[in-house]
C-alpha atoms as a PDB file:
ATOM      1  CA  MET A   1     -21.445  20.504 -44.235  1.00  0.00           C
ATOM      2  CA  ALA A   2     -24.750  22.351 -44.281  1.00  0.00           C
ATOM      3  CA  GLU A   3     -26.876  23.048 -47.353  1.00  0.00           C
ATOM      4  CA  VAL A   4     -29.512  25.763 -47.565  1.00  0.00           C
ATOM      5  CA  ASN A   5     -32.242  25.558 -50.203  1.00  0.00           C
ATOM      6  CA  THR A   6     -34.123  28.788 -50.968  1.00  0.00           C
ATOM      7  CA  GLY A   7     -37.273  29.345 -53.076  1.00  0.00           C
ATOM      8  CA  ASP A   8     -38.128  32.383 -55.216  1.00  0.00           C
ATOM      9  CA  GLY A   9     -40.946  33.393 -52.850  1.00  0.00           C
ATOM     10  CA  GLY A  10     -43.383  34.389 -55.648  1.00  0.00           C
ATOM     11  CA  GLY A  11     -44.183  37.957 -56.631  1.00  0.00           C
ATOM     12  CA  HIS A  12     -43.520  37.587 -60.371  1.00  0.00           C
ATOM     13  CA  GLY A  13     -46.840  39.051 -61.520  1.00  0.00           C
ATOM     14  CA  LYS A  14     -47.915  42.623 -61.410  1.00  0.00           C
ATOM     15  CA  HIS A  15     -50.525  42.113 -58.733  1.00  0.00           C
ATOM     16  CA  ASP A  16     -48.799  39.292 -56.940  1.00  0.00           C
ATOM     17  CA  LYS A  17     -47.823  39.881 -53.350  1.00  0.00           C
ATOM     18  CA  LYS A  18     -44.239  39.320 -52.391  1.00  0.00           C
ATOM     19  CA  ARG A  19     -43.758  36.550 -49.875  1.00  0.00           C
ATOM     20  CA  ALA A  20     -40.910  35.987 -47.465  1.00  0.00           C
ATOM     21  CA  LYS A  21     -38.403  33.513 -48.736  1.00  0.00           C
ATOM     22  CA  LYS A  22     -38.498  30.146 -47.021  1.00  0.00           C
ATOM     23  CA  SER A  23     -35.299  28.181 -46.483  1.00  0.00           C
ATOM     24  CA  SER A  24     -34.720  24.551 -45.544  1.00  0.00           C
ATOM     25  CA  THR A  25     -31.467  23.498 -43.856  1.00  0.00           C
ATOM     26  CA  ARG A  26     -29.898  20.047 -44.045  1.00  0.00           C
ATOM     27  CA  ILE A  27     -26.885  19.389 -41.762  1.00  0.00           C
ATOM     28  CA  ASP A  28     -24.418  16.714 -42.764  1.00  0.00           C
ATOM     29  CA  MET A  29     -23.466  14.830 -39.531  1.00  0.00           C
ATOM     30  CA  THR A  30     -20.753  12.711 -41.136  1.00  0.00           C
ATOM     31  CA  PRO A  31     -17.769  14.887 -40.049  1.00  0.00           C
ATOM     32  CA  MET A  32     -19.072  15.027 -36.445  1.00  0.00           C
ATOM     33  CA  VAL A  33     -19.479  11.254 -36.317  1.00  0.00           C
ATOM     34  CA  ASP A  34     -15.966  10.800 -37.719  1.00  0.00           C
ATOM     35  CA  LEU A  35     -14.566  13.144 -35.068  1.00  0.00           C
ATOM     36  CA  ALA A  36     -16.431  11.314 -32.289  1.00  0.00           C
ATOM     37  CA  PHE A  37     -15.006   7.958 -33.377  1.00  0.00           C
ATOM     38  CA  LEU A  38     -11.507   9.438 -33.650  1.00  0.00           C
ATOM     39  CA  LEU A  39     -11.720  10.801 -30.095  1.00  0.00           C
ATOM     40  CA  LEU A  40     -13.133   7.503 -28.826  1.00  0.00           C
ATOM     41  CA  THR A  41     -10.314   5.568 -30.496  1.00  0.00           C
ATOM     42  CA  PHE A  42      -7.729   7.969 -29.057  1.00  0.00           C
ATOM     43  CA  PHE A  43      -8.975   7.632 -25.467  1.00  0.00           C
ATOM     44  CA  VAL A  44      -9.252   3.839 -25.726  1.00  0.00           C
ATOM     45  CA  LEU A  45      -5.673   3.531 -26.968  1.00  0.00           C
ATOM     46  CA  THR A  46      -4.191   5.978 -24.471  1.00  0.00           C
ATOM     47  CA  SER A  47      -6.153   4.986 -21.356  1.00  0.00           C
ATOM     48  CA  THR A  48      -4.734   2.709 -18.686  1.00  0.00           C
ATOM     49  CA  PHE A  49      -7.032  -0.119 -17.771  1.00  0.00           C
ATOM     50  CA  SER A  50      -7.428  -1.068 -14.126  1.00  0.00           C
ATOM     51  CA  LYS A  51      -4.933  -3.643 -12.991  1.00  0.00           C
ATOM     52  CA  SER A  52      -5.586  -6.377 -10.494  1.00  0.00           C
ATOM     53  CA  LYS A  53      -4.308  -5.534  -7.024  1.00  0.00           C
ATOM     54  CA  VAL A  54      -1.468  -7.760  -5.881  1.00  0.00           C
ATOM     55  CA  MET A  55       0.091  -7.676  -2.445  1.00  0.00           C
ATOM     56  CA  GLU A  56       3.828  -8.227  -2.341  1.00  0.00           C
ATOM     57  CA  ILE A  57       4.875 -10.357   0.607  1.00  0.00           C
ATOM     58  CA  PRO A  58       8.628 -10.852   1.071  1.00  0.00           C
ATOM     59  CA  PHE A  59       9.707 -14.203   2.448  1.00  0.00           C
ATOM     60  CA  PRO A  60      13.091 -14.745   4.073  1.00  0.00           C
ATOM     61  CA  LYS A  61      15.631 -16.740   2.164  1.00  0.00           C
ATOM     62  CA  ASP A  62      15.866 -20.358   3.233  1.00  0.00           C
ATOM     63  CA  PRO A  63      19.254 -20.716   4.984  1.00  0.00           C
ATOM     64  CA  LYS A  64      21.625 -23.442   3.856  1.00  0.00           C
ATOM     65  CA  ASP A  65      22.244 -24.428   7.450  1.00  0.00           C
ATOM     66  CA  HIS A  66      18.836 -24.861   9.097  1.00  0.00           C
ATOM     67  CA  LYS A  67      20.501 -25.112  12.496  1.00  0.00           C
ATOM     68  CA  LEU A  68      21.906 -21.613  12.151  1.00  0.00           C
ATOM     69  CA  ASP A  69      19.968 -19.208  14.358  1.00  0.00           C
ATOM     70  CA  GLN A  70      20.029 -15.783  12.744  1.00  0.00           C
ATOM     71  CA  LYS A  71      19.598 -12.866  15.137  1.00  0.00           C
ATOM     72  CA  VAL A  72      17.534  -9.871  14.085  1.00  0.00           C
ATOM     73  CA  ASN A  73      18.216  -6.456  15.598  1.00  0.00           C
ATOM     74  CA  ASN A  74      15.267  -4.316  16.698  1.00  0.00           C
ATOM     75  CA  ALA A  75      12.571  -6.862  15.883  1.00  0.00           C
ATOM     76  CA  ILE A  76       9.007  -7.342  17.012  1.00  0.00           C
ATOM     77  CA  THR A  77       7.212 -10.638  16.425  1.00  0.00           C
ATOM     78  CA  PHE A  78       3.442 -10.936  16.091  1.00  0.00           C
ATOM     79  CA  LEU A  79       1.648 -14.215  16.764  1.00  0.00           C
ATOM     80  CA  LEU A  80      -1.822 -14.466  15.225  1.00  0.00           C
ATOM     81  CA  THR A  81      -4.362 -17.019  16.372  1.00  0.00           C
ATOM     82  CA  LYS A  82      -8.126 -17.609  16.591  1.00  0.00           C
ATOM     83  CA  ASP A  83     -10.783 -15.002  17.474  1.00  0.00           C
ATOM     84  CA  ASN A  84      -8.708 -12.170  15.913  1.00  0.00           C
ATOM     85  CA  LYS A  85      -6.249 -12.321  18.795  1.00  0.00           C
ATOM     86  CA  ILE A  86      -2.751 -10.855  18.414  1.00  0.00           C
ATOM     87  CA  PHE A  87       0.126 -11.603  20.732  1.00  0.00           C
ATOM     88  CA  TYR A  88       3.589 -10.107  20.362  1.00  0.00           C
ATOM     89  CA  TYR A  89       7.034  -9.983  21.945  1.00  0.00           C
ATOM     90  CA  ASN A  90      10.134  -7.879  21.395  1.00  0.00           C
ATOM     91  CA  GLY A  91      13.567  -9.136  20.454  1.00  0.00           C
ATOM     92  CA  PRO A  92      14.612 -12.807  20.256  1.00  0.00           C
ATOM     93  CA  PHE A  93      12.514 -15.630  21.646  1.00  0.00           C
ATOM     94  CA  TYR A  94      13.811 -17.536  24.672  1.00  0.00           C
ATOM     95  CA  PRO A  95      11.946 -20.730  25.657  1.00  0.00           C
ATOM     96  CA  LYS A  96      11.860 -22.128  29.169  1.00  0.00           C
ATOM     97  CA  ASN A  97      15.075 -23.701  30.389  1.00  0.00           C
ATOM     98  CA  ASN A  98      17.038 -22.280  27.448  1.00  0.00           C
ATOM     99  CA  LYS A  99      20.758 -22.996  27.257  1.00  0.00           C
ATOM    100  CA  ASP A 100      21.683 -19.293  27.439  1.00  0.00           C
ATOM    101  CA  GLY A 101      20.086 -18.905  30.844  1.00  0.00           C
ATOM    102  CA  LYS A 102      17.896 -16.049  29.596  1.00  0.00           C
ATOM    103  CA  THR A 103      14.573 -15.142  31.121  1.00  0.00           C
ATOM    104  CA  PRO A 104      11.829 -17.009  29.231  1.00  0.00           C
ATOM    105  CA  THR A 105       9.931 -14.861  26.759  1.00  0.00           C
ATOM    106  CA  THR A 106       6.474 -13.665  27.742  1.00  0.00           C
ATOM    107  CA  VAL A 107       3.939 -12.391  25.228  1.00  0.00           C
ATOM    108  CA  LEU A 108       1.816  -9.263  25.342  1.00  0.00           C
ATOM    109  CA  LYS A 109      -1.628  -8.851  23.833  1.00  0.00           C
ATOM    110  CA  THR A 110      -2.964  -6.205  21.457  1.00  0.00           C
ATOM    111  CA  ASP A 111      -5.781  -5.794  18.925  1.00  0.00           C
ATOM    112  CA  PHE A 112      -6.565  -4.146  15.591  1.00  0.00           C
ATOM    113  CA  SER A 113      -7.923  -0.919  17.084  1.00  0.00           C
ATOM    114  CA  ALA A 114      -6.289   2.488  16.572  1.00  0.00           C
ATOM    115  CA  LYS A 115      -5.105   2.437  20.183  1.00  0.00           C
ATOM    116  CA  GLY A 116      -3.786  -1.083  19.802  1.00  0.00           C
ATOM    117  CA  LEU A 117      -1.720  -2.325  16.860  1.00  0.00           C
ATOM    118  CA  HIS A 118      -1.528   1.018  15.035  1.00  0.00           C
ATOM    119  CA  GLU A 119      -0.297   2.961  18.052  1.00  0.00           C
ATOM    120  CA  LEU A 120       2.150   0.187  18.960  1.00  0.00           C
ATOM    121  CA  LEU A 121       3.780   0.206  15.508  1.00  0.00           C
ATOM    122  CA  LEU A 122       3.944   4.008  15.396  1.00  0.00           C
ATOM    123  CA  ASP A 123       5.692   4.082  18.764  1.00  0.00           C
ATOM    124  CA  ARG A 124       8.191   1.341  17.883  1.00  0.00           C
ATOM    125  CA  ASN A 125       8.975   2.846  14.479  1.00  0.00           C
ATOM    126  CA  LYS A 126       9.180   6.474  15.656  1.00  0.00           C
ATOM    127  CA  PRO A 127      12.854   7.071  14.647  1.00  0.00           C
ATOM    128  CA  THR A 128      12.163   6.016  11.063  1.00  0.00           C
ATOM    129  CA  ILE A 129       8.915   7.987  10.865  1.00  0.00           C
ATOM    130  CA  ASP A 130      10.623  11.141  12.180  1.00  0.00           C
ATOM    131  CA  ALA A 131      13.484  10.741   9.682  1.00  0.00           C
ATOM    132  CA  ILE A 132      11.041  10.351   6.770  1.00  0.00           C
ATOM    133  CA  LYS A 133       9.071  13.425   7.918  1.00  0.00           C
ATOM    134  CA  LYS A 134      12.265  15.501   7.792  1.00  0.00           C
ATOM    135  CA  LEU A 135      12.931  14.253   4.265  1.00  0.00           C
ATOM    136  CA  GLU A 136       9.346  15.096   3.297  1.00  0.00           C
ATOM    137  CA  GLU A 137       9.782  18.653   4.574  1.00  0.00           C
ATOM    138  CA  LYS A 138      12.937  19.037   2.496  1.00  0.00           C
ATOM    139  CA  TYR A 139      11.072  17.726  -0.538  1.00  0.00           C
ATOM    140  CA  LYS A 140       8.206  20.196  -0.005  1.00  0.00           C
ATOM    141  CA  ARG A 141      10.754  23.038   0.222  1.00  0.00           C
ATOM    142  CA  LYS A 142      12.227  21.719  -3.049  1.00  0.00           C
ATOM    143  CA  GLU A 143      15.608  21.141  -1.433  1.00  0.00           C
ATOM    144  CA  ILE A 144      15.720  17.568  -2.784  1.00  0.00           C
ATOM    145  CA  ALA A 145      14.275  15.970  -5.916  1.00  0.00           C
ATOM    146  CA  ASP A 146      11.408  13.492  -5.915  1.00  0.00           C
ATOM    147  CA  THR A 147      13.665  10.566  -6.814  1.00  0.00           C
ATOM    148  CA  THR A 148      16.114  11.521  -4.056  1.00  0.00           C
ATOM    149  CA  TYR A 149      13.306  11.703  -1.506  1.00  0.00           C
ATOM    150  CA  LYS A 150      12.039   8.214  -2.413  1.00  0.00           C
ATOM    151  CA  ARG A 151      15.552   6.744  -2.366  1.00  0.00           C
ATOM    152  CA  LEU A 152      16.394   8.211   1.046  1.00  0.00           C
ATOM    153  CA  ALA A 153      13.009   7.181   2.477  1.00  0.00           C
ATOM    154  CA  LEU A 154      13.601   3.581   1.392  1.00  0.00           C
ATOM    155  CA  HIS A 155      17.064   3.764   2.921  1.00  0.00           C
ATOM    156  CA  GLU A 156      15.574   4.846   6.269  1.00  0.00           C
ATOM    157  CA  GLN A 157      13.071   1.975   6.179  1.00  0.00           C
ATOM    158  CA  GLY A 158      15.886  -0.533   5.709  1.00  0.00           C
ATOM    159  CA  ARG A 159      18.501   1.253   7.833  1.00  0.00           C
ATOM    160  CA  SER A 160      21.276  -0.884   9.350  1.00  0.00           C
ATOM    161  CA  ALA A 161      22.575  -0.401  12.863  1.00  0.00           C
ATOM    162  CA  ASP A 162      25.685   1.724  13.380  1.00  0.00           C
ATOM    163  CA  PRO A 163      26.815   1.561  17.032  1.00  0.00           C
ATOM    164  CA  ALA A 164      29.642   4.042  16.402  1.00  0.00           C
ATOM    165  CA  LYS A 165      27.108   6.719  15.410  1.00  0.00           C
ATOM    166  CA  HIS A 166      24.490   5.509  17.899  1.00  0.00           C
ATOM    167  CA  ILE A 167      22.144   4.637  15.034  1.00  0.00           C
ATOM    168  CA  GLU A 168      19.643   1.873  15.688  1.00  0.00           C
ATOM    169  CA  ALA A 169      18.600  -0.554  12.971  1.00  0.00           C
ATOM    170  CA  ALA A 170      15.224  -0.048  11.325  1.00  0.00           C
ATOM    171  CA  LEU A 171      12.344  -1.963  12.858  1.00  0.00           C
ATOM    172  CA  THR A 172      11.811  -5.503  11.581  1.00  0.00           C
ATOM    173  CA  VAL A 173       8.366  -7.105  11.860  1.00  0.00           C
ATOM    174  CA  LEU A 174       7.966 -10.881  11.877  1.00  0.00           C
ATOM    175  CA  ILE A 175       4.479 -12.289  11.344  1.00  0.00           C
ATOM    176  CA  LYS A 176       3.639 -15.797  12.517  1.00  0.00           C
ATOM    177  CA  THR A 177       0.311 -17.613  12.496  1.00  0.00           C
ATOM    178  CA  ASP A 178      -1.048 -20.891  13.737  1.00  0.00           C
ATOM    179  CA  ASP A 179      -3.613 -23.040  11.914  1.00  0.00           C
ATOM    180  CA  LYS A 180      -6.488 -21.209  13.643  1.00  0.00           C
ATOM    181  CA  ALA A 181      -5.688 -17.718  12.373  1.00  0.00           C
ATOM    182  CA  VAL A 182      -7.627 -16.183   9.469  1.00  0.00           C
ATOM    183  CA  TYR A 183      -6.055 -14.757   6.321  1.00  0.00           C
ATOM    184  CA  LYS A 184      -7.824 -11.390   6.729  1.00  0.00           C
ATOM    185  CA  ASN A 185      -5.888 -10.704   9.932  1.00  0.00           C
ATOM    186  CA  VAL A 186      -2.599 -11.270   8.115  1.00  0.00           C
ATOM    187  CA  VAL A 187      -3.614  -8.800   5.393  1.00  0.00           C
ATOM    188  CA  ASP A 188      -4.756  -6.223   7.971  1.00  0.00           C
ATOM    189  CA  LEU A 189      -1.474  -6.545   9.844  1.00  0.00           C
ATOM    190  CA  ILE A 190       0.572  -6.053   6.676  1.00  0.00           C
ATOM    191  CA  ASP A 191      -1.532  -2.990   5.816  1.00  0.00           C
ATOM    192  CA  GLU A 192      -0.732  -1.471   9.217  1.00  0.00           C
ATOM    193  CA  VAL A 193       2.963  -2.244   8.698  1.00  0.00           C
ATOM    194  CA  LYS A 194       2.942  -0.320   5.405  1.00  0.00           C
ATOM    195  CA  VAL A 195       0.955   2.598   6.845  1.00  0.00           C
ATOM    196  CA  CYS A 196       3.532   2.956   9.626  1.00  0.00           C
ATOM    197  CA  ASN A 197       6.460   3.145   7.135  1.00  0.00           C
ATOM    198  CA  ILE A 198       8.002  -0.183   8.160  1.00  0.00           C
ATOM    199  CA  GLY A 199      10.083  -1.482   5.285  1.00  0.00           C
ATOM    200  CA  ILE A 200      11.309  -4.805   6.673  1.00  0.00           C
ATOM    201  CA  TYR A 201       8.707  -7.461   7.376  1.00  0.00           C
ATOM    202  CA  ALA A 202       8.228 -11.136   6.626  1.00  0.00           C
ATOM    203  CA  ILE A 203       5.913 -14.059   7.263  1.00  0.00           C
ATOM    204  CA  VAL A 204       7.729 -16.961   8.921  1.00  0.00           C
ATOM    205  CA  ASP A 205       6.756 -20.263  10.500  1.00  0.00           C
ATOM    206  CA  MET A 206       5.683 -20.336  14.110  1.00  0.00           C
ATOM    207  CA  MET A 207       7.931 -22.362  16.408  1.00  0.00           C
ATOM    208  CA  PRO A 208       6.350 -25.104  18.561  1.00  0.00           C
ATOM    209  CA  SER A 209       7.428 -23.310  21.744  1.00  0.00           C
ATOM    210  CA  GLU A 210       5.708 -20.127  20.535  1.00  0.00           C
ATOM    211  CA  LYS A 211       2.532 -22.047  19.757  1.00  0.00           C
ATOM    212  CA  ASP A 212       2.559 -23.621  23.211  1.00  0.00           C
ATOM    213  CA  LEU A 213       2.896 -20.142  24.713  1.00  0.00           C
ATOM    214  CA  ILE A 214      -0.144 -18.657  22.942  1.00  0.00           C
ATOM    215  CA  ASP A 215      -2.166 -21.819  23.497  1.00  0.00           C
ATOM    216  CA  ALA A 216      -1.633 -21.317  27.204  1.00  0.00           C
ATOM    217  CA  GLU A 217      -2.754 -17.692  26.880  1.00  0.00           C
ATOM    218  CA  THR A 218      -5.952 -18.555  24.962  1.00  0.00           C
ATOM    219  CA  LYS A 219      -7.199 -21.293  27.283  1.00  0.00           C
END
């Protein structure tokens, strides 16, 4: 509240000159301070504080029968080692002189550049990326709801194979490291996997035959 005090300004006598009235103003700041504290309390109670960033890393379930060799359709395996080196191979791994008589697996080399790992994952995951883009266009045209778009996109990322409809399974990424690899490379690889809309990935142990293969490549 504001209070204004005024004086009589003189001029009571016959020959006295009239003076302009002077006023003094005193502003009560109490209501403004109360309002400021109310607003501060409101924003503190309704604000969301920053949460610590946590990376979710799915691990495969430990099989009851450790001798059981589970086959993964449409898989690519990355082998990380020292000096930021990345080796990879497609499909199942076949060591030398394997009992199935398959050609021994050979590894290819890539890196963390845009023309390396990123382009490789985009090319391998192209069917899923194209399917999600079509869903995104439908969502932008308001043909499907937001929840429907997210549900269908997740379905495409974890799509199962359907040979009758000529539908290939979604890409699966397996990440393996030796004792010389650095943790940062694992995080960078997982980031690229997420950027490229790959929904199935896991960190698994490197087999001795795989380690021997990359050791031969890094000599």
